[in-house]
PDB file of N, CA and C in Angstrom:
ATOM      1  N   MET A   1       1.271  -2.931   7.475  1.00  0.00           N
ATOM      2  CA  MET A   1       0.910  -1.262   6.119  1.00  0.00           C
ATOM      3  C   MET A   1       1.884  -0.564   6.534  1.00  0.00           C
ATOM      4  N   ALA A   2       1.971   0.622   6.267  1.00  0.00           N
ATOM      5  CA  ALA A   2       2.859   2.060   6.077  1.00  0.00           C
ATOM      6  C   ALA A   2       2.550   3.226   6.588  1.00  0.00           C
ATOM      7  N   SER A   3       1.418   2.918   7.273  1.00  0.00           N
ATOM      8  CA  SER A   3       0.979   4.229   8.269  1.00  0.00           C
ATOM      9  C   SER A   3       1.912   4.017   9.681  1.00  0.00           C
ATOM     10  N   GLN A   4       2.168   4.769   9.792  1.00  0.00           N
ATOM     11  CA  GLN A   4       3.515   4.899  10.892  1.00  0.00           C
ATOM     12  C   GLN A   4       2.666   5.735  12.418  1.00  0.00           C
ATOM     13  N   VAL A   5       2.399   5.035  13.455  1.00  0.00           N
ATOM     14  CA  VAL A   5       2.082   6.100  14.350  1.00  0.00           C
ATOM     15  C   VAL A   5       3.046   6.123  15.502  1.00  0.00           C
ATOM     16  N   ALA A   6       3.731   7.749  15.992  1.00  0.00           N
ATOM     17  CA  ALA A   6       4.682   7.925  17.117  1.00  0.00           C
ATOM     18  C   ALA A   6       3.729   7.005  18.168  1.00  0.00           C
ATOM     19  N   LYS A   7       4.401   6.363  19.080  1.00  0.00           N
ATOM     20  CA  LYS A   7       3.302   5.852  20.241  1.00  0.00           C
ATOM     21  C   LYS A   7       4.792   5.894  21.916  1.00  0.00           C
ATOM     22  N   ASN A   8       4.144   6.824  22.959  1.00  0.00           N
ATOM     23  CA  ASN A   8       5.064   6.882  23.987  1.00  0.00           C
ATOM     24  C   ASN A   8       5.379   4.873  24.549  1.00  0.00           C
ATOM     25  N   SER A   9       6.350   4.088  23.888  1.00  0.00           N
ATOM     26  CA  SER A   9       6.599   2.978  24.094  1.00  0.00           C
ATOM     27  C   SER A   9       8.503   2.749  24.531  1.00  0.00           C
ATOM     28  N   SER A  10       8.724   1.534  25.361  1.00  0.00           N
ATOM     29  CA  SER A  10       9.863   1.398  25.151  1.00  0.00           C
ATOM     30  C   SER A  10      10.320   0.634  23.829  1.00  0.00           C
ATOM     31  N   ALA A  11       9.487   0.481  22.793  1.00  0.00           N
ATOM     32  CA  ALA A  11      10.613   0.176  21.987  1.00  0.00           C
ATOM     33  C   ALA A  11      11.660   1.104  21.356  1.00  0.00           C
ATOM     34  N   ALA A  12      12.107   0.754  20.821  1.00  0.00           N
ATOM     35  CA  ALA A  12      13.228   1.320  20.141  1.00  0.00           C
ATOM     36  C   ALA A  12      12.531   2.451  18.604  1.00  0.00           C
ATOM     37  N   PRO A  13      13.477   3.710  19.204  1.00  0.00           N
ATOM     38  CA  PRO A  13      12.552   4.794  18.280  1.00  0.00           C
ATOM     39  C   PRO A  13      13.014   4.321  16.648  1.00  0.00           C
ATOM     40  N   SER A  14      13.875   3.135  15.979  1.00  0.00           N
ATOM     41  CA  SER A  14      13.481   2.999  14.666  1.00  0.00           C
ATOM     42  C   SER A  14      12.365   1.848  13.842  1.00  0.00           C
ATOM     43  N   GLU A  15      11.735   1.683  15.788  1.00  0.00           N
ATOM     44  CA  GLU A  15      10.788   0.746  15.864  1.00  0.00           C
ATOM     45  C   GLU A  15       9.478   1.290  15.427  1.00  0.00           C
ATOM     46  N   VAL A  16       9.179   2.515  15.884  1.00  0.00           N
ATOM     47  CA  VAL A  16       8.112   3.519  16.125  1.00  0.00           C
ATOM     48  C   VAL A  16       7.514   4.335  15.064  1.00  0.00           C
ATOM     49  N   GLY A  17       8.957   4.466  13.814  1.00  0.00           N
ATOM     50  CA  GLY A  17       8.215   5.712  13.197  1.00  0.00           C
ATOM     51  C   GLY A  17       9.039   6.272  13.279  1.00  0.00           C
ATOM     52  N   PRO A  18       9.170   7.790  11.973  1.00  0.00           N
ATOM     53  CA  PRO A  18       9.510   8.680  12.419  1.00  0.00           C
ATOM     54  C   PRO A  18       9.664   9.136  13.764  1.00  0.00           C
ATOM     55  N   LYS A  19      10.761  10.373  14.115  1.00  0.00           N
ATOM     56  CA  LYS A  19      10.182  10.702  15.890  1.00  0.00           C
ATOM     57  C   LYS A  19       9.725  12.170  16.027  1.00  0.00           C
ATOM     58  N   PRO A  20       8.951  11.556  16.735  1.00  0.00           N
ATOM     59  CA  PRO A  20       7.988  12.781  17.014  1.00  0.00           C
ATOM     60  C   PRO A  20       8.122  14.312  17.267  1.00  0.00           C
ATOM     61  N   ASP A  21       7.525  15.147  16.082  1.00  0.00           N
ATOM     62  CA  ASP A  21       7.928  16.732  17.064  1.00  0.00           C
ATOM     63  C   ASP A  21       7.655  16.660  18.029  1.00  0.00           C
ATOM     64  N   ALA A  22       8.587  17.675  18.905  1.00  0.00           N
ATOM     65  CA  ALA A  22       8.298  17.935  20.317  1.00  0.00           C
ATOM     66  C   ALA A  22       7.301  18.423  20.489  1.00  0.00           C
ATOM     67  N   ALA A  23       6.199  19.301  19.541  1.00  0.00           N
ATOM     68  CA  ALA A  23       5.070  20.189  20.034  1.00  0.00           C
ATOM     69  C   ALA A  23       4.029  19.403  19.312  1.00  0.00           C
ATOM     70  N   ALA A  24       4.026  18.107  19.021  1.00  0.00           N
ATOM     71  CA  ALA A  24       3.140  17.187  18.860  1.00  0.00           C
ATOM     72  C   ALA A  24       3.152  16.382  20.074  1.00  0.00           C
ATOM     73  N   PRO A  25       1.476  16.013  19.953  1.00  0.00           N
ATOM     74  CA  PRO A  25       1.225  15.345  21.143  1.00  0.00           C
ATOM     75  C   PRO A  25       2.182  13.720  20.792  1.00  0.00           C
ATOM     76  N   SER A  26       1.903  12.596  21.706  1.00  0.00           N
ATOM     77  CA  SER A  26       2.967  11.448  20.958  1.00  0.00           C
ATOM     78  C   SER A  26       2.362  10.469  20.260  1.00  0.00           C
ATOM     79  N   TYR A  27       0.582  10.804  20.635  1.00  0.00           N
ATOM     80  CA  TYR A  27      -0.007  10.076  19.409  1.00  0.00           C
ATOM     81  C   TYR A  27      -0.551  10.332  18.264  1.00  0.00           C
ATOM     82  N   VAL A  28       0.262  11.636  17.425  1.00  0.00           N
ATOM     83  CA  VAL A  28       0.196  12.097  16.556  1.00  0.00           C
ATOM     84  C   VAL A  28       1.051  11.620  15.084  1.00  0.00           C
ATOM     85  N   TRP A  29      -0.046  11.386  14.330  1.00  0.00           N
ATOM     86  CA  TRP A  29       0.245  10.282  13.015  1.00  0.00           C
ATOM     87  C   TRP A  29       1.975  11.033  12.041  1.00  0.00           C
ATOM     88  N   GLN A  30       3.163  10.828  12.133  1.00  0.00           N
ATOM     89  CA  GLN A  30       3.937  11.594  11.511  1.00  0.00           C
ATOM     90  C   GLN A  30       4.494  10.830   9.737  1.00  0.00           C
ATOM     91  N   ALA A  31       3.845  12.132   9.114  1.00  0.00           N
ATOM     92  CA  ALA A  31       4.331  10.701   8.059  1.00  0.00           C
ATOM     93  C   ALA A  31       5.626  10.713   7.745  1.00  0.00           C
ATOM     94  N   PRO A  32       6.075   9.712   6.844  1.00  0.00           N
ATOM     95  CA  PRO A  32       7.329   9.500   6.257  1.00  0.00           C
ATOM     96  C   PRO A  32       7.840  10.465   4.834  1.00  0.00           C
ATOM     97  N   ASP A  33       8.921  10.602   5.239  1.00  0.00           N
ATOM     98  CA  ASP A  33       9.689  11.668   4.105  1.00  0.00           C
ATOM     99  C   ASP A  33       9.616  11.096   2.596  1.00  0.00           C
ATOM    100  N   GLU A  34       9.229   9.703   2.166  1.00  0.00           N
ATOM    101  CA  GLU A  34       8.923   9.048   1.243  1.00  0.00           C
ATOM    102  C   GLU A  34       7.544   9.951   0.960  1.00  0.00           C
ATOM    103  N   ILE A  35       7.694   9.421  -0.792  1.00  0.00           N
ATOM    104  CA  ILE A  35       7.058   9.509  -1.167  1.00  0.00           C
ATOM    105  C   ILE A  35       5.485   8.094  -1.092  1.00  0.00           C
ATOM    106  N   MET A  36       4.274   7.826  -0.616  1.00  0.00           N
ATOM    107  CA  MET A  36       3.207   7.207  -0.611  1.00  0.00           C
ATOM    108  C   MET A  36       2.639   6.721  -1.759  1.00  0.00           C
ATOM    109  N   HIS A  37       2.589   5.765  -1.717  1.00  0.00           N
ATOM    110  CA  HIS A  37       1.650   4.476  -3.056  1.00  0.00           C
ATOM    111  C   HIS A  37       0.288   4.417  -2.300  1.00  0.00           C
ATOM    112  N   TYR A  38      -0.880   4.553  -3.442  1.00  0.00           N
ATOM    113  CA  TYR A  38      -1.958   4.207  -2.288  1.00  0.00           C
ATOM    114  C   TYR A  38      -2.757   3.484  -3.624  1.00  0.00           C
ATOM    115  N   VAL A  39      -3.227   2.667  -2.837  1.00  0.00           N
ATOM    116  CA  VAL A  39      -4.225   1.614  -3.584  1.00  0.00           C
ATOM    117  C   VAL A  39      -5.610   1.957  -3.355  1.00  0.00           C
ATOM    118  N   TYR A  40      -6.411   1.938  -4.698  1.00  0.00           N
ATOM    119  CA  TYR A  40      -7.399   2.724  -3.970  1.00  0.00           C
ATOM    120  C   TYR A  40      -8.244   1.649  -5.002  1.00  0.00           C
ATOM    121  N   LEU A  41     -10.429   2.355  -4.044  1.00  0.00           N
ATOM    122  CA  LEU A  41     -11.582   1.167  -5.049  1.00  0.00           C
ATOM    123  C   LEU A  41     -12.132   2.903  -4.853  1.00  0.00           C
ATOM    124  N   LEU A  42     -12.675   2.813  -6.159  1.00  0.00           N
ATOM    125  CA  LEU A  42     -14.028   3.748  -6.752  1.00  0.00           C
ATOM    126  C   LEU A  42     -14.944   3.656  -6.771  1.00  0.00           C
ATOM    127  N   ARG A  43     -16.499   3.332  -6.836  1.00  0.00           N
ATOM    128  CA  ARG A  43     -17.506   3.114  -7.306  1.00  0.00           C
ATOM    129  C   ARG A  43     -18.118   4.373  -7.937  1.00  0.00           C
ATOM    130  N   SER A  44     -18.566   4.156  -8.842  1.00  0.00           N
ATOM    131  CA  SER A  44     -19.447   5.184  -9.878  1.00  0.00           C
ATOM    132  C   SER A  44     -20.572   5.689  -8.809  1.00  0.00           C
ATOM    133  N   GLN A  45     -20.652   6.953  -8.327  1.00  0.00           N
ATOM    134  CA  GLN A  45     -22.384   7.287  -7.960  1.00  0.00           C
ATOM    135  C   GLN A  45     -23.286   7.541  -9.084  1.00  0.00           C
ATOM    136  N   SER A  46     -23.277   7.536 -10.113  1.00  0.00           N
ATOM    137  CA  SER A  46     -24.154   6.575 -11.449  1.00  0.00           C
ATOM    138  C   SER A  46     -24.714   5.624 -11.472  1.00  0.00           C
ATOM    139  N   ALA A  47     -23.758   5.267 -11.073  1.00  0.00           N
ATOM    140  CA  ALA A  47     -24.016   3.608 -11.647  1.00  0.00           C
ATOM    141  C   ALA A  47     -23.314   2.337  -9.970  1.00  0.00           C
ATOM    142  N   PRO A  48     -24.093   2.376  -9.754  1.00  0.00           N
ATOM    143  CA  PRO A  48     -23.520   2.526  -7.784  1.00  0.00           C
ATOM    144  C   PRO A  48     -22.456   1.345  -8.486  1.00  0.00           C
ATOM    145  N   GLU A  49     -22.858   0.211  -9.630  1.00  0.00           N
ATOM    146  CA  GLU A  49     -22.704  -1.390  -8.967  1.00  0.00           C
ATOM    147  C   GLU A  49     -21.249  -1.609 -10.326  1.00  0.00           C
ATOM    148  N   GLN A  50     -20.613  -0.488 -10.953  1.00  0.00           N
ATOM    149  CA  GLN A  50     -19.472   0.066 -11.426  1.00  0.00           C
ATOM    150  C   GLN A  50     -18.427   0.454 -10.223  1.00  0.00           C
ATOM    151  N   THR A  51     -17.289  -0.503 -10.221  1.00  0.00           N
ATOM    152  CA  THR A  51     -16.720  -0.108  -9.401  1.00  0.00           C
ATOM    153  C   THR A  51     -14.821   0.023  -9.926  1.00  0.00           C
ATOM    154  N   TYR A  52     -13.651   0.616  -9.515  1.00  0.00           N
ATOM    155  CA  TYR A  52     -12.725   0.364  -9.817  1.00  0.00           C
ATOM    156  C   TYR A  52     -11.451   0.127  -9.124  1.00  0.00           C
ATOM    157  N   VAL A  53     -10.297  -0.804  -9.739  1.00  0.00           N
ATOM    158  CA  VAL A  53      -9.165  -0.477  -8.189  1.00  0.00           C
ATOM    159  C   VAL A  53      -8.158  -0.247  -9.271  1.00  0.00           C
ATOM    160  N   GLY A  54      -7.299   0.694  -8.639  1.00  0.00           N
ATOM    161  CA  GLY A  54      -6.533   1.374  -9.372  1.00  0.00           C
ATOM    162  C   GLY A  54      -4.986   2.059  -8.480  1.00  0.00           C
ATOM    163  N   LEU A  55      -3.880   2.537  -8.971  1.00  0.00           N
ATOM    164  CA  LEU A  55      -3.034   2.730  -7.784  1.00  0.00           C
ATOM    165  C   LEU A  55      -2.340   4.174  -8.334  1.00  0.00           C
ATOM    166  N   THR A  56      -1.753   5.182  -7.600  1.00  0.00           N
ATOM    167  CA  THR A  56      -1.553   6.554  -7.400  1.00  0.00           C
ATOM    168  C   THR A  56      -0.540   6.477  -6.139  1.00  0.00           C
ATOM    169  N   SER A  57      -0.140   7.867  -6.766  1.00  0.00           N
ATOM    170  CA  SER A  57       0.923   8.365  -5.462  1.00  0.00           C
ATOM    171  C   SER A  57       0.362   9.473  -5.264  1.00  0.00           C
ATOM    172  N   ASP A  58      -0.975  10.384  -6.145  1.00  0.00           N
ATOM    173  CA  ASP A  58      -1.346  11.743  -5.852  1.00  0.00           C
ATOM    174  C   ASP A  58      -2.902  11.197  -5.940  1.00  0.00           C
ATOM    175  N   LEU A  59      -3.177  10.317  -4.758  1.00  0.00           N
ATOM    176  CA  LEU A  59      -5.059  10.003  -5.036  1.00  0.00           C
ATOM    177  C   LEU A  59      -5.971  11.208  -5.433  1.00  0.00           C
ATOM    178  N   ARG A  60      -6.050  12.460  -4.637  1.00  0.00           N
ATOM    179  CA  ARG A  60      -6.673  13.645  -4.749  1.00  0.00           C
ATOM    180  C   ARG A  60      -6.789  13.827  -6.456  1.00  0.00           C
ATOM    181  N   GLU A  61      -5.280  13.348  -7.077  1.00  0.00           N
ATOM    182  CA  GLU A  61      -5.455  13.979  -8.761  1.00  0.00           C
ATOM    183  C   GLU A  61      -6.014  12.659  -9.652  1.00  0.00           C
ATOM    184  N   ARG A  62      -5.639  12.158  -8.555  1.00  0.00           N
ATOM    185  CA  ARG A  62      -6.002  10.940 -10.102  1.00  0.00           C
ATOM    186  C   ARG A  62      -7.820  10.503  -9.510  1.00  0.00           C
ATOM    187  N   LEU A  63      -8.294  10.617  -8.334  1.00  0.00           N
ATOM    188  CA  LEU A  63      -9.687  10.933  -7.960  1.00  0.00           C
ATOM    189  C   LEU A  63     -10.257  12.151  -9.165  1.00  0.00           C
ATOM    190  N   GLU A  64      -9.894  13.241  -9.396  1.00  0.00           N
ATOM    191  CA  GLU A  64      -9.735  14.343 -10.310  1.00  0.00           C
ATOM    192  C   GLU A  64     -10.309  13.374 -11.550  1.00  0.00           C
ATOM    193  N   SER A  65      -8.806  13.225 -11.977  1.00  0.00           N
ATOM    194  CA  SER A  65      -8.528  12.846 -13.396  1.00  0.00           C
ATOM    195  C   SER A  65      -9.464  11.250 -13.758  1.00  0.00           C
ATOM    196  N   HIS A  66      -9.582  10.783 -12.729  1.00  0.00           N
ATOM    197  CA  HIS A  66     -11.432   9.702 -12.528  1.00  0.00           C
ATOM    198  C   HIS A  66     -12.401  10.518 -13.330  1.00  0.00           C
ATOM    199  N   ASN A  67     -13.067  11.857 -12.772  1.00  0.00           N
ATOM    200  CA  ASN A  67     -13.982  12.871 -12.286  1.00  0.00           C
ATOM    201  C   ASN A  67     -14.135  13.558 -13.883  1.00  0.00           C
ATOM    202  N   GLN A  68     -13.007  13.808 -14.455  1.00  0.00           N
ATOM    203  CA  GLN A  68     -13.003  14.626 -15.790  1.00  0.00           C
ATOM    204  C   GLN A  68     -12.779  13.855 -17.278  1.00  0.00           C
ATOM    205  N   GLY A  69     -13.151  12.436 -16.800  1.00  0.00           N
ATOM    206  CA  GLY A  69     -12.813  11.502 -18.150  1.00  0.00           C
ATOM    207  C   GLY A  69     -11.341  10.979 -18.858  1.00  0.00           C
ATOM    208  N   ALA A  70     -10.492  11.622 -17.847  1.00  0.00           N
ATOM    209  CA  ALA A  70      -9.211  11.069 -18.650  1.00  0.00           C
ATOM    210  C   ALA A  70      -9.118   9.932 -18.649  1.00  0.00           C
ATOM    211  N   ASN A  71      -9.744   8.644 -17.814  1.00  0.00           N
ATOM    212  CA  ASN A  71      -9.579   7.338 -17.722  1.00  0.00           C
ATOM    213  C   ASN A  71     -10.514   7.038 -19.276  1.00  0.00           C
ATOM    214  N   SER A  72     -10.193   6.123 -19.774  1.00  0.00           N
ATOM    215  CA  SER A  72     -11.293   5.944 -20.893  1.00  0.00           C
ATOM    216  C   SER A  72     -12.368   4.667 -20.179  1.00  0.00           C
ATOM    217  N   HIS A  73     -11.413   3.497 -19.686  1.00  0.00           N
ATOM    218  CA  HIS A  73     -11.925   2.863 -17.753  1.00  0.00           C
ATOM    219  C   HIS A  73     -13.425   3.486 -17.468  1.00  0.00           C
ATOM    220  N   THR A  74     -12.760   4.764 -17.387  1.00  0.00           N
ATOM    221  CA  THR A  74     -14.358   4.984 -16.017  1.00  0.00           C
ATOM    222  C   THR A  74     -14.886   6.132 -16.799  1.00  0.00           C
ATOM    223  N   ALA A  75     -14.475   6.781 -17.359  1.00  0.00           N
ATOM    224  CA  ALA A  75     -15.277   8.018 -18.245  1.00  0.00           C
ATOM    225  C   ALA A  75     -16.575   8.242 -18.097  1.00  0.00           C
ATOM    226  N   LYS A  76     -17.160   6.380 -18.846  1.00  0.00           N
ATOM    227  CA  LYS A  76     -18.334   6.682 -19.365  1.00  0.00           C
ATOM    228  C   LYS A  76     -19.649   5.993 -17.373  1.00  0.00           C
ATOM    229  N   PHE A  77     -18.859   5.812 -16.346  1.00  0.00           N
ATOM    230  CA  PHE A  77     -19.551   5.929 -14.912  1.00  0.00           C
ATOM    231  C   PHE A  77     -19.137   6.973 -14.345  1.00  0.00           C
ATOM    232  N   ARG A  78     -18.995   8.100 -14.624  1.00  0.00           N
ATOM    233  CA  ARG A  78     -18.720   9.436 -13.678  1.00  0.00           C
ATOM    234  C   ARG A  78     -19.719   9.580 -13.372  1.00  0.00           C
ATOM    235  N   PRO A  79     -19.830  10.491 -11.809  1.00  0.00           N
ATOM    236  CA  PRO A  79     -18.845  10.890 -11.302  1.00  0.00           C
ATOM    237  C   PRO A  79     -18.019   9.413 -10.501  1.00  0.00           C
ATOM    238  N   TRP A  80     -16.862   9.356  -9.816  1.00  0.00           N
ATOM    239  CA  TRP A  80     -16.825   8.616  -8.528  1.00  0.00           C
ATOM    240  C   TRP A  80     -16.377   9.040  -7.569  1.00  0.00           C
ATOM    241  N   GLU A  81     -16.427   8.455  -6.322  1.00  0.00           N
ATOM    242  CA  GLU A  81     -16.119   8.271  -5.182  1.00  0.00           C
ATOM    243  C   GLU A  81     -14.953   7.545  -4.200  1.00  0.00           C
ATOM    244  N   ILE A  82     -14.592   7.599  -3.846  1.00  0.00           N
ATOM    245  CA  ILE A  82     -13.841   6.851  -2.737  1.00  0.00           C
ATOM    246  C   ILE A  82     -13.965   5.886  -2.626  1.00  0.00           C
ATOM    247  N   VAL A  83     -14.081   4.966  -2.425  1.00  0.00           N
ATOM    248  CA  VAL A  83     -14.807   3.634  -1.141  1.00  0.00           C
ATOM    249  C   VAL A  83     -13.764   3.510   0.073  1.00  0.00           C
ATOM    250  N   CYS A  84     -12.443   3.435  -0.853  1.00  0.00           N
ATOM    251  CA  CYS A  84     -11.057   2.683   0.476  1.00  0.00           C
ATOM    252  C   CYS A  84      -9.845   3.257  -0.109  1.00  0.00           C
ATOM    253  N   TYR A  85      -8.934   3.598   0.474  1.00  0.00           N
ATOM    254  CA  TYR A  85      -7.803   3.342  -0.260  1.00  0.00           C
ATOM    255  C   TYR A  85      -6.314   3.180   1.547  1.00  0.00           C
ATOM    256  N   THR A  86      -5.421   2.542   0.357  1.00  0.00           N
ATOM    257  CA  THR A  86      -4.729   1.880   1.411  1.00  0.00           C
ATOM    258  C   THR A  86      -2.869   2.126   1.322  1.00  0.00           C
ATOM    259  N   ALA A  87      -2.156   3.349   1.870  1.00  0.00           N
ATOM    260  CA  ALA A  87      -1.350   3.179   1.654  1.00  0.00           C
ATOM    261  C   ALA A  87      -0.022   2.773   1.495  1.00  0.00           C
ATOM    262  N   PHE A  88       1.357   2.408   1.096  1.00  0.00           N
ATOM    263  CA  PHE A  88       1.922   1.971   0.601  1.00  0.00           C
ATOM    264  C   PHE A  88       3.641   2.676   0.918  1.00  0.00           C
ATOM    265  N   GLN A  89       4.165   2.124   1.767  1.00  0.00           N
ATOM    266  CA  GLN A  89       6.120   3.283   1.347  1.00  0.00           C
ATOM    267  C   GLN A  89       6.057   3.069  -0.336  1.00  0.00           C
ATOM    268  N   SER A  90       6.071   1.070  -0.739  1.00  0.00           N
ATOM    269  CA  SER A  90       6.820   0.750  -1.596  1.00  0.00           C
ATOM    270  C   SER A  90       5.864   1.371  -2.625  1.00  0.00           C
ATOM    271  N   ARG A  91       6.861   1.452  -3.584  1.00  0.00           N
ATOM    272  CA  ARG A  91       5.118   1.406  -5.302  1.00  0.00           C
ATOM    273  C   ARG A  91       5.417  -0.294  -5.433  1.00  0.00           C
ATOM    274  N   ASP A  92       6.718  -1.502  -5.438  1.00  0.00           N
ATOM    275  CA  ASP A  92       6.381  -2.485  -5.861  1.00  0.00           C
ATOM    276  C   ASP A  92       4.910  -3.021  -4.744  1.00  0.00           C
ATOM    277  N   ARG A  93       5.270  -3.217  -3.582  1.00  0.00           N
ATOM    278  CA  ARG A  93       4.352  -3.883  -2.942  1.00  0.00           C
ATOM    279  C   ARG A  93       2.735  -2.995  -3.180  1.00  0.00           C
ATOM    280  N   ALA A  94       2.751  -1.829  -3.255  1.00  0.00           N
ATOM    281  CA  ALA A  94       1.478  -1.766  -3.738  1.00  0.00           C
ATOM    282  C   ALA A  94       1.154  -2.109  -4.703  1.00  0.00           C
ATOM    283  N   ALA A  95       1.855  -2.326  -6.132  1.00  0.00           N
ATOM    284  CA  ALA A  95       1.244  -3.022  -6.760  1.00  0.00           C
ATOM    285  C   ALA A  95       0.461  -4.375  -7.416  1.00  0.00           C
ATOM    286  N   GLU A  96       1.709  -4.872  -5.812  1.00  0.00           N
ATOM    287  CA  GLU A  96       1.333  -6.300  -5.958  1.00  0.00           C
ATOM    288  C   GLU A  96      -0.295  -6.002  -5.224  1.00  0.00           C
ATOM    289  N   PHE A  97      -0.601  -5.444  -4.631  1.00  0.00           N
ATOM    290  CA  PHE A  97      -1.940  -5.737  -3.428  1.00  0.00           C
ATOM    291  C   PHE A  97      -2.629  -5.296  -4.629  1.00  0.00           C
ATOM    292  N   GLU A  98      -2.887  -3.977  -5.628  1.00  0.00           N
ATOM    293  CA  GLU A  98      -3.219  -3.551  -6.352  1.00  0.00           C
ATOM    294  C   GLU A  98      -4.513  -5.669  -7.754  1.00  0.00           C
ATOM    295  N   ARG A  99      -2.389  -5.813  -7.865  1.00  0.00           N
ATOM    296  CA  ARG A  99      -2.987  -6.956  -8.612  1.00  0.00           C
ATOM    297  C   ARG A  99      -4.050  -7.923  -7.867  1.00  0.00           C
ATOM    298  N   TYR A 100      -3.701  -8.319  -7.002  1.00  0.00           N
ATOM    299  CA  TYR A 100      -3.947  -9.191  -5.309  1.00  0.00           C
ATOM    300  C   TYR A 100      -5.810  -8.768  -6.091  1.00  0.00           C
ATOM    301  N   LEU A 101      -5.883  -7.491  -5.714  1.00  0.00           N
ATOM    302  CA  LEU A 101      -7.598  -6.646  -5.298  1.00  0.00           C
ATOM    303  C   LEU A 101      -8.468  -7.336  -6.965  1.00  0.00           C
ATOM    304  N   LYS A 102      -7.543  -6.877  -8.164  1.00  0.00           N
ATOM    305  CA  LYS A 102      -7.895  -7.116  -9.273  1.00  0.00           C
ATOM    306  C   LYS A 102      -8.365  -8.772  -9.995  1.00  0.00           C
ATOM    307  N   ALA A 103      -7.968  -9.944  -9.646  1.00  0.00           N
ATOM    308  CA  ALA A 103      -7.907 -10.969  -9.613  1.00  0.00           C
ATOM    309  C   ALA A 103      -8.429 -12.151  -8.304  1.00  0.00           C
ATOM    310  N   GLY A 104      -8.898 -12.746  -8.736  1.00  0.00           N
ATOM    311  CA  GLY A 104      -9.525 -14.069  -7.719  1.00  0.00           C
ATOM    312  C   GLY A 104      -9.236 -13.917  -6.719  1.00  0.00           C
ATOM    313  N   SER A 105      -8.972 -14.455  -5.947  1.00  0.00           N
ATOM    314  CA  SER A 105      -9.508 -14.959  -4.442  1.00  0.00           C
ATOM    315  C   SER A 105      -9.266 -13.153  -3.738  1.00  0.00           C
ATOM    316  N   GLY A 106      -8.541 -11.878  -4.090  1.00  0.00           N
ATOM    317  CA  GLY A 106      -8.603 -10.699  -4.322  1.00  0.00           C
ATOM    318  C   GLY A 106      -9.770 -10.110  -4.635  1.00  0.00           C
ATOM    319  N   HIS A 107     -10.030 -10.290  -5.593  1.00  0.00           N
ATOM    320  CA  HIS A 107     -11.403  -9.876  -5.593  1.00  0.00           C
ATOM    321  C   HIS A 107     -12.940 -10.290  -5.239  1.00  0.00           C
ATOM    322  N   ALA A 108     -12.626 -11.517  -4.606  1.00  0.00           N
ATOM    323  CA  ALA A 108     -13.635 -12.229  -3.406  1.00  0.00           C
ATOM    324  C   ALA A 108     -13.809 -11.050  -2.683  1.00  0.00           C
ATOM    325  N   PHE A 109     -11.837 -11.086  -1.935  1.00  0.00           N
ATOM    326  CA  PHE A 109     -11.552 -10.412  -0.251  1.00  0.00           C
ATOM    327  C   PHE A 109     -12.221  -8.767  -0.889  1.00  0.00           C
ATOM    328  N   ALA A 110     -12.195  -8.645  -1.288  1.00  0.00           N
ATOM    329  CA  ALA A 110     -12.339  -6.819  -1.710  1.00  0.00           C
ATOM    330  C   ALA A 110     -13.972  -6.718  -1.614  1.00  0.00           C
ATOM    331  N   LYS A 111     -14.816  -7.462  -2.644  1.00  0.00           N
ATOM    332  CA  LYS A 111     -16.767  -7.253  -2.542  1.00  0.00           C
ATOM    333  C   LYS A 111     -16.610  -8.132  -1.159  1.00  0.00           C
ATOM    334  N   ARG A 112     -16.399  -8.668   0.017  1.00  0.00           N
ATOM    335  CA  ARG A 112     -16.288  -9.366   1.039  1.00  0.00           C
ATOM    336  C   ARG A 112     -16.190  -7.991   2.186  1.00  0.00           C
ATOM    337  N   HIS A 113     -15.153  -7.326   1.842  1.00  0.00           N
ATOM    338  CA  HIS A 113     -14.389  -6.757   2.929  1.00  0.00           C
ATOM    339  C   HIS A 113     -14.622  -5.244   2.706  1.00  0.00           C
ATOM    340  N   LEU A 114     -14.239  -4.468   1.277  1.00  0.00           N
ATOM    341  CA  LEU A 114     -14.192  -3.276   1.083  1.00  0.00           C
ATOM    342  C   LEU A 114     -14.769  -2.254   0.577  1.00  0.00           C
ATOM    343  N   TRP A 115     -15.701  -2.967  -0.539  1.00  0.00           N
ATOM    344  CA  TRP A 115     -16.868  -2.271  -1.328  1.00  0.00           C
ATOM    345  C   TRP A 115     -18.397  -2.389   0.286  1.00  0.00           C
TER     346      TRP A 115
END
């Protein structure tokens, strides 16, 4: 996945992600400079059997939007809570993963492992 952790290792710097800040411990996660894209799974707090899978580049704003009723698919089951999310550097890869989770074997995978 897109998460990158700077570690002390013999690997070349390009293999371990962004160079850590000199003042930061070597185990601190370093955020990439580019925008991340998140595939997220929501569960309704008012009707826990209702779930939703979505894609965004601003997770907090998107959850707020769902909870304000801005999305017709989620408005009637407010409020929502995030069950889990996965970050991607590539929007295309995130969209592929979202489609996977919404169909066939990906839906079954999410039901078994993520909900």
